[in-house]
Amino acid sequence: MTALSVTEIRDNLSDAINRVAYQGERIIVRRSGRDVLAMIPINDLALLEKIEDEIDIRDAEKILAGTGKRIPYEKLRKELGL
């Protein structure tokens, strides 16, 4: 994984985008010597979001299984003002 400063990214943004989008490279962006963000391919982002969703579903199922109590969808919508 490559690490570039904000200045390097600003001066070479098009190159950085091409490296990430077309070569699958991951780039860490640093500001004042600290890692502040990552540029990753869109497929990597989709995978991360899928993993997060699966974790959220598993956690929700554990909570629901532990309480044995379920709230009807319509009641929840009403309580939340949706």
N, C-alpha and C. Protein backbone atom coordinates (compact mmCIF):
# COMPACT_ATOMS: atom_id res chain seq x y z
N MET A 1 0.84 -1.17 0.00
CA MET A 1 0.00 0.00 0.00
C MET A 1 0.89 1.23 0.00
N THR A 2 0.50 2.19 -0.79
CA THR A 2 1.27 3.42 -0.93
C THR A 2 0.71 4.50 -0.01
N ALA A 3 1.58 5.31 0.54
CA ALA A 3 1.16 6.46 1.35
C ALA A 3 1.65 7.73 0.66
N LEU A 4 0.73 8.68 0.47
CA LEU A 4 1.06 9.95 -0.17
C LEU A 4 0.55 11.09 0.70
N SER A 5 1.25 12.20 0.65
CA SER A 5 0.80 13.38 1.39
C SER A 5 -0.35 14.04 0.63
N VAL A 6 -1.08 14.89 1.32
CA VAL A 6 -2.15 15.65 0.69
C VAL A 6 -1.60 16.45 -0.49
N THR A 7 -0.43 17.03 -0.32
CA THR A 7 0.19 17.80 -1.41
C THR A 7 0.47 16.92 -2.62
N GLU A 8 1.00 15.73 -2.38
CA GLU A 8 1.28 14.81 -3.49
C GLU A 8 -0.01 14.41 -4.20
N ILE A 9 -1.06 14.15 -3.42
CA ILE A 9 -2.35 13.80 -4.02
C ILE A 9 -2.88 14.97 -4.84
N ARG A 10 -2.84 16.17 -4.26
CA ARG A 10 -3.35 17.36 -4.96
C ARG A 10 -2.61 17.56 -6.28
N ASP A 11 -1.29 17.40 -6.26
CA ASP A 11 -0.49 17.63 -7.46
C ASP A 11 -0.63 16.51 -8.50
N ASN A 12 -1.07 15.33 -8.05
CA ASN A 12 -1.14 14.17 -8.95
C ASN A 12 -2.46 13.43 -8.81
N LEU A 13 -3.56 14.16 -8.63
CA LEU A 13 -4.84 13.52 -8.35
C LEU A 13 -5.27 12.56 -9.46
N SER A 14 -5.14 12.97 -10.69
CA SER A 14 -5.55 12.12 -11.80
C SER A 14 -4.78 10.80 -11.80
N ASP A 15 -3.48 10.87 -11.55
CA ASP A 15 -2.65 9.66 -11.49
C ASP A 15 -3.09 8.78 -10.33
N ALA A 16 -3.35 9.37 -9.18
CA ALA A 16 -3.78 8.59 -8.01
C ALA A 16 -5.11 7.89 -8.29
N ILE A 17 -6.04 8.61 -8.91
CA ILE A 17 -7.34 8.01 -9.24
C ILE A 17 -7.15 6.84 -10.19
N ASN A 18 -6.32 7.01 -11.20
CA ASN A 18 -6.08 5.92 -12.15
C ASN A 18 -5.46 4.72 -11.47
N ARG A 19 -4.52 4.96 -10.57
CA ARG A 19 -3.86 3.85 -9.86
C ARG A 19 -4.87 3.06 -9.03
N VAL A 20 -5.78 3.77 -8.39
CA VAL A 20 -6.79 3.10 -7.55
C VAL A 20 -7.86 2.44 -8.43
N ALA A 21 -8.41 3.20 -9.37
CA ALA A 21 -9.54 2.71 -10.17
C ALA A 21 -9.18 1.60 -11.14
N TYR A 22 -8.01 1.71 -11.77
CA TYR A 22 -7.69 0.78 -12.85
C TYR A 22 -6.62 -0.24 -12.50
N GLN A 23 -5.83 0.04 -11.48
CA GLN A 23 -4.80 -0.91 -11.09
C GLN A 23 -5.11 -1.58 -9.76
N GLY A 24 -6.19 -1.14 -9.10
CA GLY A 24 -6.60 -1.76 -7.85
C GLY A 24 -5.73 -1.40 -6.66
N GLU A 25 -4.92 -0.39 -6.81
CA GLU A 25 -4.01 0.02 -5.72
C GLU A 25 -4.81 0.71 -4.62
N ARG A 26 -4.34 0.57 -3.41
CA ARG A 26 -4.91 1.30 -2.27
C ARG A 26 -3.91 2.36 -1.85
N ILE A 27 -4.40 3.56 -1.64
CA ILE A 27 -3.51 4.67 -1.31
C ILE A 27 -3.95 5.29 0.02
N ILE A 28 -3.00 5.42 0.92
CA ILE A 28 -3.23 6.11 2.19
C ILE A 28 -2.84 7.58 1.98
N VAL A 29 -3.70 8.48 2.42
CA VAL A 29 -3.41 9.91 2.30
C VAL A 29 -3.02 10.43 3.68
N ARG A 30 -1.89 11.12 3.72
CA ARG A 30 -1.36 11.64 4.98
C ARG A 30 -1.43 13.16 5.01
N ARG A 31 -1.76 13.68 6.18
CA ARG A 31 -1.74 15.13 6.42
C ARG A 31 -0.94 15.33 7.70
N SER A 32 0.05 16.19 7.61
CA SER A 32 0.93 16.48 8.75
C SER A 32 1.53 15.19 9.33
N GLY A 33 1.87 14.26 8.44
CA GLY A 33 2.53 13.03 8.87
C GLY A 33 1.60 11.98 9.44
N ARG A 34 0.29 12.25 9.46
CA ARG A 34 -0.67 11.29 10.01
C ARG A 34 -1.58 10.76 8.90
N ASP A 35 -1.87 9.47 8.96
CA ASP A 35 -2.80 8.87 8.01
C ASP A 35 -4.20 9.40 8.31
N VAL A 36 -4.85 9.98 7.29
CA VAL A 36 -6.17 10.57 7.52
C VAL A 36 -7.28 9.92 6.69
N LEU A 37 -6.94 9.29 5.58
CA LEU A 37 -7.96 8.61 4.79
C LEU A 37 -7.30 7.64 3.83
N ALA A 38 -8.16 6.80 3.24
CA ALA A 38 -7.67 5.83 2.27
C ALA A 38 -8.47 5.96 0.99
N MET A 39 -7.79 5.84 -0.11
CA MET A 39 -8.44 5.74 -1.41
C MET A 39 -8.41 4.26 -1.78
N ILE A 40 -9.60 3.70 -2.00
CA ILE A 40 -9.68 2.27 -2.33
C ILE A 40 -10.56 2.07 -3.55
N PRO A 41 -10.37 0.97 -4.27
CA PRO A 41 -11.23 0.68 -5.41
C PRO A 41 -12.69 0.53 -4.96
N ILE A 42 -13.62 0.87 -5.84
CA ILE A 42 -15.04 0.81 -5.52
C ILE A 42 -15.47 -0.60 -5.15
N ASN A 43 -14.87 -1.62 -5.74
CA ASN A 43 -15.20 -3.01 -5.39
C ASN A 43 -14.83 -3.32 -3.94
N ASP A 44 -13.72 -2.76 -3.47
CA ASP A 44 -13.33 -2.94 -2.07
C ASP A 44 -14.35 -2.29 -1.15
N LEU A 45 -14.82 -1.10 -1.53
CA LEU A 45 -15.83 -0.42 -0.73
C LEU A 45 -17.12 -1.24 -0.67
N ALA A 46 -17.54 -1.77 -1.80
CA ALA A 46 -18.76 -2.59 -1.83
C ALA A 46 -18.60 -3.80 -0.91
N LEU A 47 -17.44 -4.43 -0.91
CA LEU A 47 -17.19 -5.58 -0.04
C LEU A 47 -17.23 -5.17 1.43
N LEU A 48 -16.61 -4.05 1.76
CA LEU A 48 -16.64 -3.57 3.15
C LEU A 48 -18.06 -3.29 3.61
N GLU A 49 -18.86 -2.67 2.75
CA GLU A 49 -20.25 -2.38 3.11
C GLU A 49 -21.06 -3.65 3.28
N LYS A 50 -20.81 -4.65 2.45
CA LYS A 50 -21.50 -5.93 2.58
C LYS A 50 -21.14 -6.59 3.91
N ILE A 51 -19.88 -6.57 4.26
CA ILE A 51 -19.44 -7.15 5.54
C ILE A 51 -20.09 -6.42 6.70
N GLU A 52 -20.10 -5.08 6.65
CA GLU A 52 -20.74 -4.30 7.71
C GLU A 52 -22.22 -4.63 7.83
N ASP A 53 -22.91 -4.77 6.70
CA ASP A 53 -24.34 -5.11 6.72
C ASP A 53 -24.56 -6.48 7.36
N GLU A 54 -23.73 -7.45 7.01
CA GLU A 54 -23.85 -8.80 7.57
C GLU A 54 -23.62 -8.79 9.07
N ILE A 55 -22.66 -8.00 9.53
CA ILE A 55 -22.40 -7.89 10.97
C ILE A 55 -23.60 -7.25 11.67
N ASP A 56 -24.15 -6.19 11.07
CA ASP A 56 -25.33 -5.53 11.65
C ASP A 56 -26.50 -6.49 11.76
N ILE A 57 -26.75 -7.27 10.72
CA ILE A 57 -27.86 -8.22 10.73
C ILE A 57 -27.64 -9.28 11.80
N ARG A 58 -26.43 -9.81 11.88
CA ARG A 58 -26.12 -10.83 12.89
C ARG A 58 -26.31 -10.27 14.30
N ASP A 59 -25.85 -9.03 14.53
CA ASP A 59 -26.02 -8.41 15.84
C ASP A 59 -27.49 -8.20 16.17
N ALA A 60 -28.27 -7.75 15.19
CA ALA A 60 -29.70 -7.54 15.41
C ALA A 60 -30.41 -8.86 15.72
N GLU A 61 -30.05 -9.91 15.00
CA GLU A 61 -30.65 -11.22 15.24
C GLU A 61 -30.33 -11.72 16.65
N LYS A 62 -29.10 -11.50 17.12
CA LYS A 62 -28.72 -11.90 18.48
C LYS A 62 -29.56 -11.15 19.51
N ILE A 63 -29.73 -9.85 19.30
CA ILE A 63 -30.50 -9.04 20.24
C ILE A 63 -31.96 -9.50 20.26
N LEU A 64 -32.54 -9.70 19.08
CA LEU A 64 -33.92 -10.15 19.01
C LEU A 64 -34.11 -11.53 19.63
N ALA A 65 -33.15 -12.41 19.40
CA ALA A 65 -33.24 -13.76 19.95
C ALA A 65 -33.14 -13.73 21.47
N GLY A 66 -32.37 -12.81 22.00
CA GLY A 66 -32.17 -12.73 23.45
C GLY A 66 -33.37 -12.18 24.19
N THR A 67 -34.12 -11.28 23.59
CA THR A 67 -35.25 -10.66 24.28
C THR A 67 -36.54 -11.43 24.08
N GLY A 68 -36.65 -12.09 22.93
CA GLY A 68 -37.89 -12.78 22.64
C GLY A 68 -39.02 -11.80 22.33
N LYS A 69 -38.73 -10.51 22.38
CA LYS A 69 -39.74 -9.48 22.17
C LYS A 69 -39.51 -8.83 20.81
N ARG A 70 -40.57 -8.75 20.05
CA ARG A 70 -40.49 -8.09 18.74
C ARG A 70 -41.49 -6.96 18.70
N ILE A 71 -41.11 -5.91 18.00
CA ILE A 71 -41.98 -4.75 17.85
C ILE A 71 -42.53 -4.77 16.43
N PRO A 72 -43.85 -4.73 16.28
CA PRO A 72 -44.42 -4.70 14.93
C PRO A 72 -43.91 -3.47 14.16
N TYR A 73 -43.69 -3.67 12.88
CA TYR A 73 -43.14 -2.62 12.03
C TYR A 73 -43.99 -1.36 12.05
N GLU A 74 -45.30 -1.50 11.94
CA GLU A 74 -46.18 -0.33 11.92
C GLU A 74 -46.08 0.45 13.24
N LYS A 75 -45.99 -0.24 14.34
CA LYS A 75 -45.86 0.42 15.65
C LYS A 75 -44.55 1.21 15.71
N LEU A 76 -43.49 0.60 15.24
CA LEU A 76 -42.19 1.26 15.24
C LEU A 76 -42.22 2.51 14.37
N ARG A 77 -42.80 2.40 13.19
CA ARG A 77 -42.91 3.57 12.29
C ARG A 77 -43.66 4.70 12.98
N LYS A 78 -44.75 4.35 13.66
CA LYS A 78 -45.55 5.37 14.33
C LYS A 78 -44.75 6.04 15.44
N GLU A 79 -44.04 5.23 16.24
CA GLU A 79 -43.24 5.76 17.34
C GLU A 79 -42.13 6.68 16.83
N LEU A 80 -41.57 6.35 15.68
CA LEU A 80 -40.48 7.15 15.11
C LEU A 80 -40.98 8.30 14.25
N GLY A 81 -42.29 8.37 14.07
CA GLY A 81 -42.86 9.45 13.27
C GLY A 81 -42.58 9.34 11.79
N LEU A 82 -42.51 8.11 11.31
CA LEU A 82 -42.22 7.89 9.89
C LEU A 82 -43.48 7.64 9.08
